[in-house]
């Protein structure tokens, strides 16, 4: 009975980026959508 909140991670490399498609799905469903684009450096910082 409330707008669902949805969350997606985007990547700069188009081969691995699903954010654009996810955004389109969120728009179609009418969710309150939040996305965050990450870089290669963002990913590397997690490794330790």
ModelCIF file with pLDDT and N, C-alpha, C, O atoms, coordinates in Angstrom:
data_MODEL
#
_entry.id   MODEL 
#
_entity.id                         1 
_entity.type                       polymer 
_entity.pdbx_number_of_molecules   1 
#
_entity_poly.entity_id                      1 
_entity_poly.type                           'polypeptide(L)' 
_entity_poly.nstd_linkage                   no 
_entity_poly.nstd_monomer                   no 
_entity_poly.pdbx_seq_one_letter_code       
;(UNK)(UNK)(UNK)(UNK)(UNK)(UNK)(UNK)(UNK)(UNK)(UNK)(UNK)(UNK)(UNK)(UNK)(UNK)(UNK)
(UNK)(UNK)(UNK)(UNK)(UNK)(UNK)(UNK)(UNK)(UNK)(UNK)(UNK)(UNK)(UNK)(UNK)(UNK)(UNK)
(UNK)(UNK)(UNK)(UNK)(UNK)(UNK)(UNK)(UNK)(UNK)(UNK)(UNK)(UNK)(UNK)(UNK)(UNK)(UNK)
;
_entity_poly.pdbx_seq_one_letter_code_can   XXXXXXXXXXXXXXXXXXXXXXXXXXXXXXXXXXXXXXXXXXXXXXXX 
_entity_poly.pdbx_strand_id                 A 
#
loop_
_entity_poly_seq.entity_id 
_entity_poly_seq.num 
_entity_poly_seq.mon_id 
_entity_poly_seq.hetero 
1 1  UNK n 
1 2  UNK n 
1 3  UNK n 
1 4  UNK n 
1 5  UNK n 
1 6  UNK n 
1 7  UNK n 
1 8  UNK n 
1 9  UNK n 
1 10 UNK n 
1 11 UNK n 
1 12 UNK n 
1 13 UNK n 
1 14 UNK n 
1 15 UNK n 
1 16 UNK n 
1 17 UNK n 
1 18 UNK n 
1 19 UNK n 
1 20 UNK n 
1 21 UNK n 
1 22 UNK n 
1 23 UNK n 
1 24 UNK n 
1 25 UNK n 
1 26 UNK n 
1 27 UNK n 
1 28 UNK n 
1 29 UNK n 
1 30 UNK n 
1 31 UNK n 
1 32 UNK n 
1 33 UNK n 
1 34 UNK n 
1 35 UNK n 
1 36 UNK n 
1 37 UNK n 
1 38 UNK n 
1 39 UNK n 
1 40 UNK n 
1 41 UNK n 
1 42 UNK n 
1 43 UNK n 
1 44 UNK n 
1 45 UNK n 
1 46 UNK n 
1 47 UNK n 
1 48 UNK n 
#
_struct_asym.id          A 
_struct_asym.entity_id   1 
#
loop_
_ma_qa_metric.id 
_ma_qa_metric.mode 
_ma_qa_metric.name 
_ma_qa_metric.software_group_id 
_ma_qa_metric.type 
1 global pLDDT . pLDDT 
2 local  pLDDT . pLDDT 
#
_ma_qa_metric_global.metric_id      1 
_ma_qa_metric_global.metric_value   90.92 
_ma_qa_metric_global.model_id       1 
_ma_qa_metric_global.ordinal_id     1 
#
loop_
_ma_qa_metric_local.label_asym_id 
_ma_qa_metric_local.label_comp_id 
_ma_qa_metric_local.label_seq_id 
_ma_qa_metric_local.metric_id 
_ma_qa_metric_local.metric_value 
_ma_qa_metric_local.model_id 
_ma_qa_metric_local.ordinal_id 
A UNK 1  2 89.00 1 1  
A UNK 2  2 90.00 1 2  
A UNK 3  2 94.00 1 3  
A UNK 4  2 94.00 1 4  
A UNK 5  2 95.00 1 5  
A UNK 6  2 95.00 1 6  
A UNK 7  2 95.00 1 7  
A UNK 8  2 94.00 1 8  
A UNK 9  2 90.00 1 9  
A UNK 10 2 91.00 1 10 
A UNK 11 2 86.00 1 11 
A UNK 12 2 82.00 1 12 
A UNK 13 2 80.00 1 13 
A UNK 14 2 82.00 1 14 
A UNK 15 2 81.00 1 15 
A UNK 16 2 81.00 1 16 
A UNK 17 2 87.00 1 17 
A UNK 18 2 89.00 1 18 
A UNK 19 2 92.00 1 19 
A UNK 20 2 92.00 1 20 
A UNK 21 2 93.00 1 21 
A UNK 22 2 93.00 1 22 
A UNK 23 2 94.00 1 23 
A UNK 24 2 95.00 1 24 
A UNK 25 2 95.00 1 25 
A UNK 26 2 95.00 1 26 
A UNK 27 2 95.00 1 27 
A UNK 28 2 95.00 1 28 
A UNK 29 2 95.00 1 29 
A UNK 30 2 95.00 1 30 
A UNK 31 2 95.00 1 31 
A UNK 32 2 95.00 1 32 
A UNK 33 2 95.00 1 33 
A UNK 34 2 94.00 1 34 
A UNK 35 2 92.00 1 35 
A UNK 36 2 90.00 1 36 
A UNK 37 2 91.00 1 37 
A UNK 38 2 89.00 1 38 
A UNK 39 2 88.00 1 39 
A UNK 40 2 86.00 1 40 
A UNK 41 2 90.00 1 41 
A UNK 42 2 90.00 1 42 
A UNK 43 2 88.00 1 43 
A UNK 44 2 90.00 1 44 
A UNK 45 2 92.00 1 45 
A UNK 46 2 92.00 1 46 
A UNK 47 2 91.00 1 47 
A UNK 48 2 92.00 1 48 
#
loop_
_atom_site.group_PDB 
_atom_site.id 
_atom_site.type_symbol 
_atom_site.label_atom_id 
_atom_site.label_alt_id 
_atom_site.label_comp_id 
_atom_site.label_asym_id 
_atom_site.label_entity_id 
_atom_site.label_seq_id 
_atom_site.pdbx_PDB_ins_code 
_atom_site.Cartn_x 
_atom_site.Cartn_y 
_atom_site.Cartn_z 
_atom_site.occupancy 
_atom_site.B_iso_or_equiv 
_atom_site.pdbx_formal_charge 
_atom_site.auth_seq_id 
_atom_site.auth_comp_id 
_atom_site.auth_asym_id 
_atom_site.auth_atom_id 
_atom_site.pdbx_PDB_model_num 
ATOM 1   N N  . UNK A 1 1  ? 0.829  -1.206 0.000   1.00 89.00 ? 1  UNK A N  1 
ATOM 2   C CA . UNK A 1 1  ? 0.000  0.000  0.000   1.00 89.00 ? 1  UNK A CA 1 
ATOM 3   C C  . UNK A 1 1  ? 0.862  1.253  0.000   1.00 89.00 ? 1  UNK A C  1 
ATOM 4   O O  . UNK A 1 1  ? 0.355  2.372  0.087   1.00 89.00 ? 1  UNK A O  1 
ATOM 5   N N  . UNK A 1 2  ? 2.195  1.046  -0.101  1.00 90.00 ? 2  UNK A N  1 
ATOM 6   C CA . UNK A 1 2  ? 3.124  2.170  -0.183  1.00 90.00 ? 2  UNK A CA 1 
ATOM 7   C C  . UNK A 1 2  ? 4.055  1.969  -1.373  1.00 90.00 ? 2  UNK A C  1 
ATOM 8   O O  . UNK A 1 2  ? 4.190  0.860  -1.890  1.00 90.00 ? 2  UNK A O  1 
ATOM 9   N N  . UNK A 1 3  ? 4.686  3.039  -1.794  1.00 94.00 ? 3  UNK A N  1 
ATOM 10  C CA . UNK A 1 3  ? 5.648  2.937  -2.891  1.00 94.00 ? 3  UNK A CA 1 
ATOM 11  C C  . UNK A 1 3  ? 6.885  2.192  -2.418  1.00 94.00 ? 3  UNK A C  1 
ATOM 12  O O  . UNK A 1 3  ? 7.495  2.555  -1.412  1.00 94.00 ? 3  UNK A O  1 
ATOM 13  N N  . UNK A 1 4  ? 7.248  1.156  -3.144  1.00 94.00 ? 4  UNK A N  1 
ATOM 14  C CA . UNK A 1 4  ? 8.413  0.345  -2.782  1.00 94.00 ? 4  UNK A CA 1 
ATOM 15  C C  . UNK A 1 4  ? 9.695  1.087  -3.122  1.00 94.00 ? 4  UNK A C  1 
ATOM 16  O O  . UNK A 1 4  ? 9.774  1.762  -4.148  1.00 94.00 ? 4  UNK A O  1 
ATOM 17  N N  . UNK A 1 5  ? 10.688 0.965  -2.268  1.00 95.00 ? 5  UNK A N  1 
ATOM 18  C CA . UNK A 1 5  ? 11.993 1.564  -2.523  1.00 95.00 ? 5  UNK A CA 1 
ATOM 19  C C  . UNK A 1 5  ? 12.910 0.510  -3.136  1.00 95.00 ? 5  UNK A C  1 
ATOM 20  O O  . UNK A 1 5  ? 13.061 -0.583 -2.590  1.00 95.00 ? 5  UNK A O  1 
ATOM 21  N N  . UNK A 1 6  ? 13.519 0.844  -4.272  1.00 95.00 ? 6  UNK A N  1 
ATOM 22  C CA . UNK A 1 6  ? 14.405 -0.089 -4.957  1.00 95.00 ? 6  UNK A CA 1 
ATOM 23  C C  . UNK A 1 6  ? 15.799 0.526  -5.095  1.00 95.00 ? 6  UNK A C  1 
ATOM 24  O O  . UNK A 1 6  ? 15.953 1.746  -5.146  1.00 95.00 ? 6  UNK A O  1 
ATOM 25  N N  . UNK A 1 7  ? 16.828 -0.363 -5.155  1.00 95.00 ? 7  UNK A N  1 
ATOM 26  C CA . UNK A 1 7  ? 18.216 0.097  -5.128  1.00 95.00 ? 7  UNK A CA 1 
ATOM 27  C C  . UNK A 1 7  ? 19.053 -0.687 -6.131  1.00 95.00 ? 7  UNK A C  1 
ATOM 28  O O  . UNK A 1 7  ? 18.920 -1.904 -6.256  1.00 95.00 ? 7  UNK A O  1 
ATOM 29  N N  . UNK A 1 8  ? 19.914 0.030  -6.842  1.00 94.00 ? 8  UNK A N  1 
ATOM 30  C CA . UNK A 1 8  ? 20.734 -0.569 -7.894  1.00 94.00 ? 8  UNK A CA 1 
ATOM 31  C C  . UNK A 1 8  ? 22.138 0.001  -7.869  1.00 94.00 ? 8  UNK A C  1 
ATOM 32  O O  . UNK A 1 8  ? 22.341 1.182  -7.587  1.00 94.00 ? 8  UNK A O  1 
ATOM 33  N N  . UNK A 1 9  ? 23.107 -0.860 -8.168  1.00 90.00 ? 9  UNK A N  1 
ATOM 34  C CA . UNK A 1 9  ? 24.486 -0.428 -8.374  1.00 90.00 ? 9  UNK A CA 1 
ATOM 35  C C  . UNK A 1 9  ? 24.763 -0.365 -9.882  1.00 90.00 ? 9  UNK A C  1 
ATOM 36  O O  . UNK A 1 9  ? 24.454 -1.301 -10.620 1.00 90.00 ? 9  UNK A O  1 
ATOM 37  N N  . UNK A 1 10 ? 25.347 0.747  -10.324 1.00 91.00 ? 10 UNK A N  1 
ATOM 38  C CA . UNK A 1 10 ? 25.727 0.895  -11.721 1.00 91.00 ? 10 UNK A CA 1 
ATOM 39  C C  . UNK A 1 10 ? 27.232 0.888  -11.881 1.00 91.00 ? 10 UNK A C  1 
ATOM 40  O O  . UNK A 1 10 ? 27.959 1.249  -10.957 1.00 91.00 ? 10 UNK A O  1 
ATOM 41  N N  . UNK A 1 11 ? 27.705 0.480  -13.050 1.00 86.00 ? 11 UNK A N  1 
ATOM 42  C CA . UNK A 1 11 ? 29.137 0.427  -13.326 1.00 86.00 ? 11 UNK A CA 1 
ATOM 43  C C  . UNK A 1 11 ? 29.439 1.167  -14.623 1.00 86.00 ? 11 UNK A C  1 
ATOM 44  O O  . UNK A 1 11 ? 28.627 1.200  -15.547 1.00 86.00 ? 11 UNK A O  1 
ATOM 45  N N  . UNK A 1 12 ? 30.630 1.758  -14.665 1.00 82.00 ? 12 UNK A N  1 
ATOM 46  C CA . UNK A 1 12 ? 30.996 2.555  -15.828 1.00 82.00 ? 12 UNK A CA 1 
ATOM 47  C C  . UNK A 1 12 ? 31.218 1.701  -17.071 1.00 82.00 ? 12 UNK A C  1 
ATOM 48  O O  . UNK A 1 12 ? 31.021 2.179  -18.188 1.00 82.00 ? 12 UNK A O  1 
ATOM 49  N N  . UNK A 1 13 ? 31.623 0.450  -16.895 1.00 80.00 ? 13 UNK A N  1 
ATOM 50  C CA . UNK A 1 13 ? 31.827 -0.459 -18.016 1.00 80.00 ? 13 UNK A CA 1 
ATOM 51  C C  . UNK A 1 13 ? 30.472 -0.967 -18.499 1.00 80.00 ? 13 UNK A C  1 
ATOM 52  O O  . UNK A 1 13 ? 29.774 -1.637 -17.737 1.00 80.00 ? 13 UNK A O  1 
ATOM 53  N N  . UNK A 1 14 ? 30.075 -0.673 -19.735 1.00 82.00 ? 14 UNK A N  1 
ATOM 54  C CA . UNK A 1 14 ? 28.746 -1.072 -20.221 1.00 82.00 ? 14 UNK A CA 1 
ATOM 55  C C  . UNK A 1 14 ? 28.543 -2.586 -20.249 1.00 82.00 ? 14 UNK A C  1 
ATOM 56  O O  . UNK A 1 14 ? 27.402 -3.047 -20.226 1.00 82.00 ? 14 UNK A O  1 
ATOM 57  N N  . UNK A 1 15 ? 29.617 -3.365 -20.298 1.00 81.00 ? 15 UNK A N  1 
ATOM 58  C CA . UNK A 1 15 ? 29.483 -4.830 -20.305 1.00 81.00 ? 15 UNK A CA 1 
ATOM 59  C C  . UNK A 1 15 ? 28.908 -5.352 -19.003 1.00 81.00 ? 15 UNK A C  1 
ATOM 60  O O  . UNK A 1 15 ? 28.285 -6.414 -18.981 1.00 81.00 ? 15 UNK A O  1 
ATOM 61  N N  . UNK A 1 16 ? 29.111 -4.619 -17.915 1.00 81.00 ? 16 UNK A N  1 
ATOM 62  C CA . UNK A 1 16 ? 28.662 -5.076 -16.606 1.00 81.00 ? 16 UNK A CA 1 
ATOM 63  C C  . UNK A 1 16 ? 27.592 -4.177 -15.999 1.00 81.00 ? 16 UNK A C  1 
ATOM 64  O O  . UNK A 1 16 ? 27.162 -4.394 -14.866 1.00 81.00 ? 16 UNK A O  1 
ATOM 65  N N  . UNK A 1 17 ? 27.166 -3.177 -16.744 1.00 87.00 ? 17 UNK A N  1 
ATOM 66  C CA . UNK A 1 17 ? 26.237 -2.200 -16.179 1.00 87.00 ? 17 UNK A CA 1 
ATOM 67  C C  . UNK A 1 17 ? 24.786 -2.617 -16.422 1.00 87.00 ? 17 UNK A C  1 
ATOM 68  O O  . UNK A 1 17 ? 24.355 -2.751 -17.567 1.00 87.00 ? 17 UNK A O  1 
ATOM 69  N N  . UNK A 1 18 ? 24.039 -2.820 -15.336 1.00 89.00 ? 18 UNK A N  1 
ATOM 70  C CA . UNK A 1 18 ? 22.623 -3.147 -15.427 1.00 89.00 ? 18 UNK A CA 1 
ATOM 71  C C  . UNK A 1 18 ? 21.750 -1.995 -14.932 1.00 89.00 ? 18 UNK A C  1 
ATOM 72  O O  . UNK A 1 18 ? 20.526 -2.114 -14.862 1.00 89.00 ? 18 UNK A O  1 
ATOM 73  N N  . UNK A 1 19 ? 22.399 -0.877 -14.590 1.00 92.00 ? 19 UNK A N  1 
ATOM 74  C CA . UNK A 1 19 ? 21.664 0.212  -13.952 1.00 92.00 ? 19 UNK A CA 1 
ATOM 75  C C  . UNK A 1 19 ? 20.627 0.842  -14.871 1.00 92.00 ? 19 UNK A C  1 
ATOM 76  O O  . UNK A 1 19 ? 19.532 1.191  -14.429 1.00 92.00 ? 19 UNK A O  1 
ATOM 77  N N  . UNK A 1 20 ? 20.967 0.987  -16.142 1.00 92.00 ? 20 UNK A N  1 
ATOM 78  C CA . UNK A 1 20 ? 20.023 1.625  -17.062 1.00 92.00 ? 20 UNK A CA 1 
ATOM 79  C C  . UNK A 1 20 ? 18.763 0.784  -17.224 1.00 92.00 ? 20 UNK A C  1 
ATOM 80  O O  . UNK A 1 20 ? 17.649 1.307  -17.196 1.00 92.00 ? 20 UNK A O  1 
ATOM 81  N N  . UNK A 1 21 ? 18.950 -0.526 -17.394 1.00 93.00 ? 21 UNK A N  1 
ATOM 82  C CA . UNK A 1 21 ? 17.791 -1.414 -17.518 1.00 93.00 ? 21 UNK A CA 1 
ATOM 83  C C  . UNK A 1 21 ? 16.994 -1.450 -16.215 1.00 93.00 ? 21 UNK A C  1 
ATOM 84  O O  . UNK A 1 21 ? 15.763 -1.458 -16.231 1.00 93.00 ? 21 UNK A O  1 
ATOM 85  N N  . UNK A 1 22 ? 17.703 -1.473 -15.092 1.00 93.00 ? 22 UNK A N  1 
ATOM 86  C CA . UNK A 1 22 ? 17.020 -1.488 -13.804 1.00 93.00 ? 22 UNK A CA 1 
ATOM 87  C C  . UNK A 1 22 ? 16.214 -0.209 -13.594 1.00 93.00 ? 22 UNK A C  1 
ATOM 88  O O  . UNK A 1 22 ? 15.113 -0.244 -13.045 1.00 93.00 ? 22 UNK A O  1 
ATOM 89  N N  . UNK A 1 23 ? 16.767 0.919  -14.035 1.00 94.00 ? 23 UNK A N  1 
ATOM 90  C CA . UNK A 1 23 ? 16.061 2.192  -13.916 1.00 94.00 ? 23 UNK A CA 1 
ATOM 91  C C  . UNK A 1 23 ? 14.781 2.188  -14.735 1.00 94.00 ? 23 UNK A C  1 
ATOM 92  O O  . UNK A 1 23 ? 13.755 2.716  -14.305 1.00 94.00 ? 23 UNK A O  1 
ATOM 93  N N  . UNK A 1 24 ? 14.848 1.588  -15.920 1.00 95.00 ? 24 UNK A N  1 
ATOM 94  C CA . UNK A 1 24 ? 13.664 1.495  -16.774 1.00 95.00 ? 24 UNK A CA 1 
ATOM 95  C C  . UNK A 1 24 ? 12.601 0.607  -16.120 1.00 95.00 ? 24 UNK A C  1 
ATOM 96  O O  . UNK A 1 24 ? 11.410 0.913  -16.173 1.00 95.00 ? 24 UNK A O  1 
ATOM 97  N N  . UNK A 1 25 ? 13.044 -0.498 -15.501 1.00 95.00 ? 25 UNK A N  1 
ATOM 98  C CA . UNK A 1 25 ? 12.111 -1.392 -14.808 1.00 95.00 ? 25 UNK A CA 1 
ATOM 99  C C  . UNK A 1 25 ? 11.475 -0.671 -13.624 1.00 95.00 ? 25 UNK A C  1 
ATOM 100 O O  . UNK A 1 25 ? 10.270 -0.773 -13.397 1.00 95.00 ? 25 UNK A O  1 
ATOM 101 N N  . UNK A 1 26 ? 12.298 0.057  -12.873 1.00 95.00 ? 26 UNK A N  1 
ATOM 102 C CA . UNK A 1 26 ? 11.783 0.805  -11.721 1.00 95.00 ? 26 UNK A CA 1 
ATOM 103 C C  . UNK A 1 26 ? 10.758 1.849  -12.159 1.00 95.00 ? 26 UNK A C  1 
ATOM 104 O O  . UNK A 1 26 ? 9.740  2.048  -11.495 1.00 95.00 ? 26 UNK A O  1 
ATOM 105 N N  . UNK A 1 27 ? 11.035 2.513  -13.282 1.00 95.00 ? 27 UNK A N  1 
ATOM 106 C CA . UNK A 1 27 ? 10.100 3.519  -13.802 1.00 95.00 ? 27 UNK A CA 1 
ATOM 107 C C  . UNK A 1 27 ? 8.779  2.866  -14.212 1.00 95.00 ? 27 UNK A C  1 
ATOM 108 O O  . UNK A 1 27 ? 7.704  3.412  -13.962 1.00 95.00 ? 27 UNK A O  1 
ATOM 109 N N  . UNK A 1 28 ? 8.870  1.708  -14.836 1.00 95.00 ? 28 UNK A N  1 
ATOM 110 C CA . UNK A 1 28 ? 7.662  0.996  -15.262 1.00 95.00 ? 28 UNK A CA 1 
ATOM 111 C C  . UNK A 1 28 ? 6.834  0.544  -14.057 1.00 95.00 ? 28 UNK A C  1 
ATOM 112 O O  . UNK A 1 28 ? 5.606  0.618  -14.080 1.00 95.00 ? 28 UNK A O  1 
ATOM 113 N N  . UNK A 1 29 ? 7.514  0.075  -13.004 1.00 95.00 ? 29 UNK A N  1 
ATOM 114 C CA . UNK A 1 29 ? 6.811  -0.415 -11.820 1.00 95.00 ? 29 UNK A CA 1 
ATOM 115 C C  . UNK A 1 29 ? 6.367  0.704  -10.890 1.00 95.00 ? 29 UNK A C  1 
ATOM 116 O O  . UNK A 1 29 ? 5.473  0.517  -10.064 1.00 95.00 ? 29 UNK A O  1 
ATOM 117 N N  . UNK A 1 30 ? 6.993  1.862  -11.026 1.00 95.00 ? 30 UNK A N  1 
ATOM 118 C CA . UNK A 1 30 ? 6.619  2.994  -10.186 1.00 95.00 ? 30 UNK A CA 1 
ATOM 119 C C  . UNK A 1 30 ? 7.263  2.983  -8.814  1.00 95.00 ? 30 UNK A C  1 
ATOM 120 O O  . UNK A 1 30 ? 6.676  3.495  -7.860  1.00 95.00 ? 30 UNK A O  1 
ATOM 121 N N  . UNK A 1 31 ? 8.471  2.405  -8.683  1.00 95.00 ? 31 UNK A N  1 
ATOM 122 C CA . UNK A 1 31 ? 9.146  2.377  -7.393  1.00 95.00 ? 31 UNK A CA 1 
ATOM 123 C C  . UNK A 1 31 ? 9.890  3.686  -7.150  1.00 95.00 ? 31 UNK A C  1 
ATOM 124 O O  . UNK A 1 31 ? 10.147 4.450  -8.080  1.00 95.00 ? 31 UNK A O  1 
ATOM 125 N N  . UNK A 1 32 ? 10.228 3.930  -5.903  1.00 95.00 ? 32 UNK A N  1 
ATOM 126 C CA . UNK A 1 32 ? 11.105 5.044  -5.551  1.00 95.00 ? 32 UNK A CA 1 
ATOM 127 C C  . UNK A 1 32 ? 12.531 4.528  -5.670  1.00 95.00 ? 32 UNK A C  1 
ATOM 128 O O  . UNK A 1 32 ? 13.019 3.824  -4.786  1.00 95.00 ? 32 UNK A O  1 
ATOM 129 N N  . UNK A 1 33 ? 13.193 4.877  -6.758  1.00 95.00 ? 33 UNK A N  1 
ATOM 130 C CA . UNK A 1 33 ? 14.436 4.198  -7.138  1.00 95.00 ? 33 UNK A CA 1 
ATOM 131 C C  . UNK A 1 33 ? 15.669 5.022  -6.782  1.00 95.00 ? 33 UNK A C  1 
ATOM 132 O O  . UNK A 1 33 ? 15.709 6.238  -6.971  1.00 95.00 ? 33 UNK A O  1 
ATOM 133 N N  . UNK A 1 34 ? 16.680 4.312  -6.257  1.00 94.00 ? 34 UNK A N  1 
ATOM 134 C CA . UNK A 1 34 ? 17.969 4.923  -5.944  1.00 94.00 ? 34 UNK A CA 1 
ATOM 135 C C  . UNK A 1 34 ? 19.073 4.115  -6.597  1.00 94.00 ? 34 UNK A C  1 
ATOM 136 O O  . UNK A 1 34 ? 19.086 2.888  -6.501  1.00 94.00 ? 34 UNK A O  1 
ATOM 137 N N  . UNK A 1 35 ? 19.998 4.788  -7.258  1.00 92.00 ? 35 UNK A N  1 
ATOM 138 C CA . UNK A 1 35 ? 21.114 4.076  -7.883  1.00 92.00 ? 35 UNK A CA 1 
ATOM 139 C C  . UNK A 1 35 ? 22.433 4.763  -7.545  1.00 92.00 ? 35 UNK A C  1 
ATOM 140 O O  . UNK A 1 35 ? 22.492 5.968  -7.302  1.00 92.00 ? 35 UNK A O  1 
ATOM 141 N N  . UNK A 1 36 ? 23.478 3.958  -7.539  1.00 90.00 ? 36 UNK A N  1 
ATOM 142 C CA . UNK A 1 36 ? 24.818 4.457  -7.238  1.00 90.00 ? 36 UNK A CA 1 
ATOM 143 C C  . UNK A 1 36 ? 25.793 3.872  -8.243  1.00 90.00 ? 36 UNK A C  1 
ATOM 144 O O  . UNK A 1 36 ? 25.928 2.654  -8.356  1.00 90.00 ? 36 UNK A O  1 
ATOM 145 N N  . UNK A 1 37 ? 26.473 4.747  -8.972  1.00 91.00 ? 37 UNK A N  1 
ATOM 146 C CA . UNK A 1 37 ? 27.477 4.281  -9.922  1.00 91.00 ? 37 UNK A CA 1 
ATOM 147 C C  . UNK A 1 37 ? 28.824 4.167  -9.216  1.00 91.00 ? 37 UNK A C  1 
ATOM 148 O O  . UNK A 1 37 ? 29.248 5.082  -8.510  1.00 91.00 ? 37 UNK A O  1 
ATOM 149 N N  . UNK A 1 38 ? 29.486 3.037  -9.414  1.00 89.00 ? 38 UNK A N  1 
ATOM 150 C CA . UNK A 1 38 ? 30.778 2.802  -8.781  1.00 89.00 ? 38 UNK A CA 1 
ATOM 151 C C  . UNK A 1 38 ? 31.866 2.705  -9.844  1.00 89.00 ? 38 UNK A C  1 
ATOM 152 O O  . UNK A 1 38 ? 31.609 2.376  -11.002 1.00 89.00 ? 38 UNK A O  1 
ATOM 153 N N  . UNK A 1 39 ? 33.077 2.999  -9.415  1.00 88.00 ? 39 UNK A N  1 
ATOM 154 C CA . UNK A 1 39 ? 34.226 2.931  -10.311 1.00 88.00 ? 39 UNK A CA 1 
ATOM 155 C C  . UNK A 1 39 ? 35.093 1.723  -9.961  1.00 88.00 ? 39 UNK A C  1 
ATOM 156 O O  . UNK A 1 39 ? 34.837 1.027  -8.979  1.00 88.00 ? 39 UNK A O  1 
ATOM 157 N N  . UNK A 1 40 ? 36.097 1.490  -10.756 1.00 86.00 ? 40 UNK A N  1 
ATOM 158 C CA . UNK A 1 40 ? 37.042 0.403  -10.476 1.00 86.00 ? 40 UNK A CA 1 
ATOM 159 C C  . UNK A 1 40 ? 37.742 0.640  -9.145  1.00 86.00 ? 40 UNK A C  1 
ATOM 160 O O  . UNK A 1 40 ? 37.988 -0.305 -8.395  1.00 86.00 ? 40 UNK A O  1 
ATOM 161 N N  . UNK A 1 41 ? 38.062 1.890  -8.851  1.00 90.00 ? 41 UNK A N  1 
ATOM 162 C CA . UNK A 1 41 ? 38.706 2.208  -7.571  1.00 90.00 ? 41 UNK A CA 1 
ATOM 163 C C  . UNK A 1 41 ? 37.773 1.913  -6.391  1.00 90.00 ? 41 UNK A C  1 
ATOM 164 O O  . UNK A 1 41 ? 38.223 1.442  -5.346  1.00 90.00 ? 41 UNK A O  1 
ATOM 165 N N  . UNK A 1 42 ? 36.484 2.188  -6.557  1.00 90.00 ? 42 UNK A N  1 
ATOM 166 C CA . UNK A 1 42 ? 35.518 1.877  -5.491  1.00 90.00 ? 42 UNK A CA 1 
ATOM 167 C C  . UNK A 1 42 ? 35.548 0.389  -5.171  1.00 90.00 ? 42 UNK A C  1 
ATOM 168 O O  . UNK A 1 42 ? 35.531 -0.011 -4.007  1.00 90.00 ? 42 UNK A O  1 
ATOM 169 N N  . UNK A 1 43 ? 35.591 -0.424 -6.225  1.00 88.00 ? 43 UNK A N  1 
ATOM 170 C CA . UNK A 1 43 ? 35.610 -1.874 -6.036  1.00 88.00 ? 43 UNK A CA 1 
ATOM 171 C C  . UNK A 1 43 ? 36.905 -2.325 -5.371  1.00 88.00 ? 43 UNK A C  1 
ATOM 172 O O  . UNK A 1 43 ? 36.875 -3.179 -4.485  1.00 88.00 ? 43 UNK A O  1 
ATOM 173 N N  . UNK A 1 44 ? 38.023 -1.772 -5.778  1.00 90.00 ? 44 UNK A N  1 
ATOM 174 C CA . UNK A 1 44 ? 39.315 -2.164 -5.218  1.00 90.00 ? 44 UNK A CA 1 
ATOM 175 C C  . UNK A 1 44 ? 39.421 -1.830 -3.733  1.00 90.00 ? 44 UNK A C  1 
ATOM 176 O O  . UNK A 1 44 ? 40.075 -2.547 -2.975  1.00 90.00 ? 44 UNK A O  1 
ATOM 177 N N  . UNK A 1 45 ? 38.780 -0.746 -3.325  1.00 92.00 ? 45 UNK A N  1 
ATOM 178 C CA . UNK A 1 45 ? 38.847 -0.355 -1.913  1.00 92.00 ? 45 UNK A CA 1 
ATOM 179 C C  . UNK A 1 45 ? 38.171 -1.358 -0.995  1.00 92.00 ? 45 UNK A C  1 
ATOM 180 O O  . UNK A 1 45 ? 38.465 -1.409 0.199   1.00 92.00 ? 45 UNK A O  1 
ATOM 181 N N  . UNK A 1 46 ? 37.268 -2.155 -1.546  1.00 92.00 ? 46 UNK A N  1 
ATOM 182 C CA . UNK A 1 46 ? 36.546 -3.139 -0.737  1.00 92.00 ? 46 UNK A CA 1 
ATOM 183 C C  . UNK A 1 46 ? 37.405 -4.372 -0.451  1.00 92.00 ? 46 UNK A C  1 
ATOM 184 O O  . UNK A 1 46 ? 37.220 -5.040 0.566   1.00 92.00 ? 46 UNK A O  1 
ATOM 185 N N  . UNK A 1 47 ? 38.336 -4.666 -1.344  1.00 91.00 ? 47 UNK A N  1 
ATOM 186 C CA . UNK A 1 47 ? 39.096 -5.918 -1.288  1.00 91.00 ? 47 UNK A CA 1 
ATOM 187 C C  . UNK A 1 47 ? 39.757 -6.172 0.069   1.00 91.00 ? 47 UNK A C  1 
ATOM 188 O O  . UNK A 1 47 ? 39.659 -7.290 0.574   1.00 91.00 ? 47 UNK A O  1 
ATOM 189 N N  . UNK A 1 48 ? 40.422 -5.193 0.682   1.00 92.00 ? 48 UNK A N  1 
ATOM 190 C CA . UNK A 1 48 ? 41.049 -5.470 1.989   1.00 92.00 ? 48 UNK A CA 1 
ATOM 191 C C  . UNK A 1 48 ? 40.065 -5.891 3.079   1.00 92.00 ? 48 UNK A C  1 
ATOM 192 O O  . UNK A 1 48 ? 40.471 -6.149 4.212   1.00 92.00 ? 48 UNK A O  1 
#
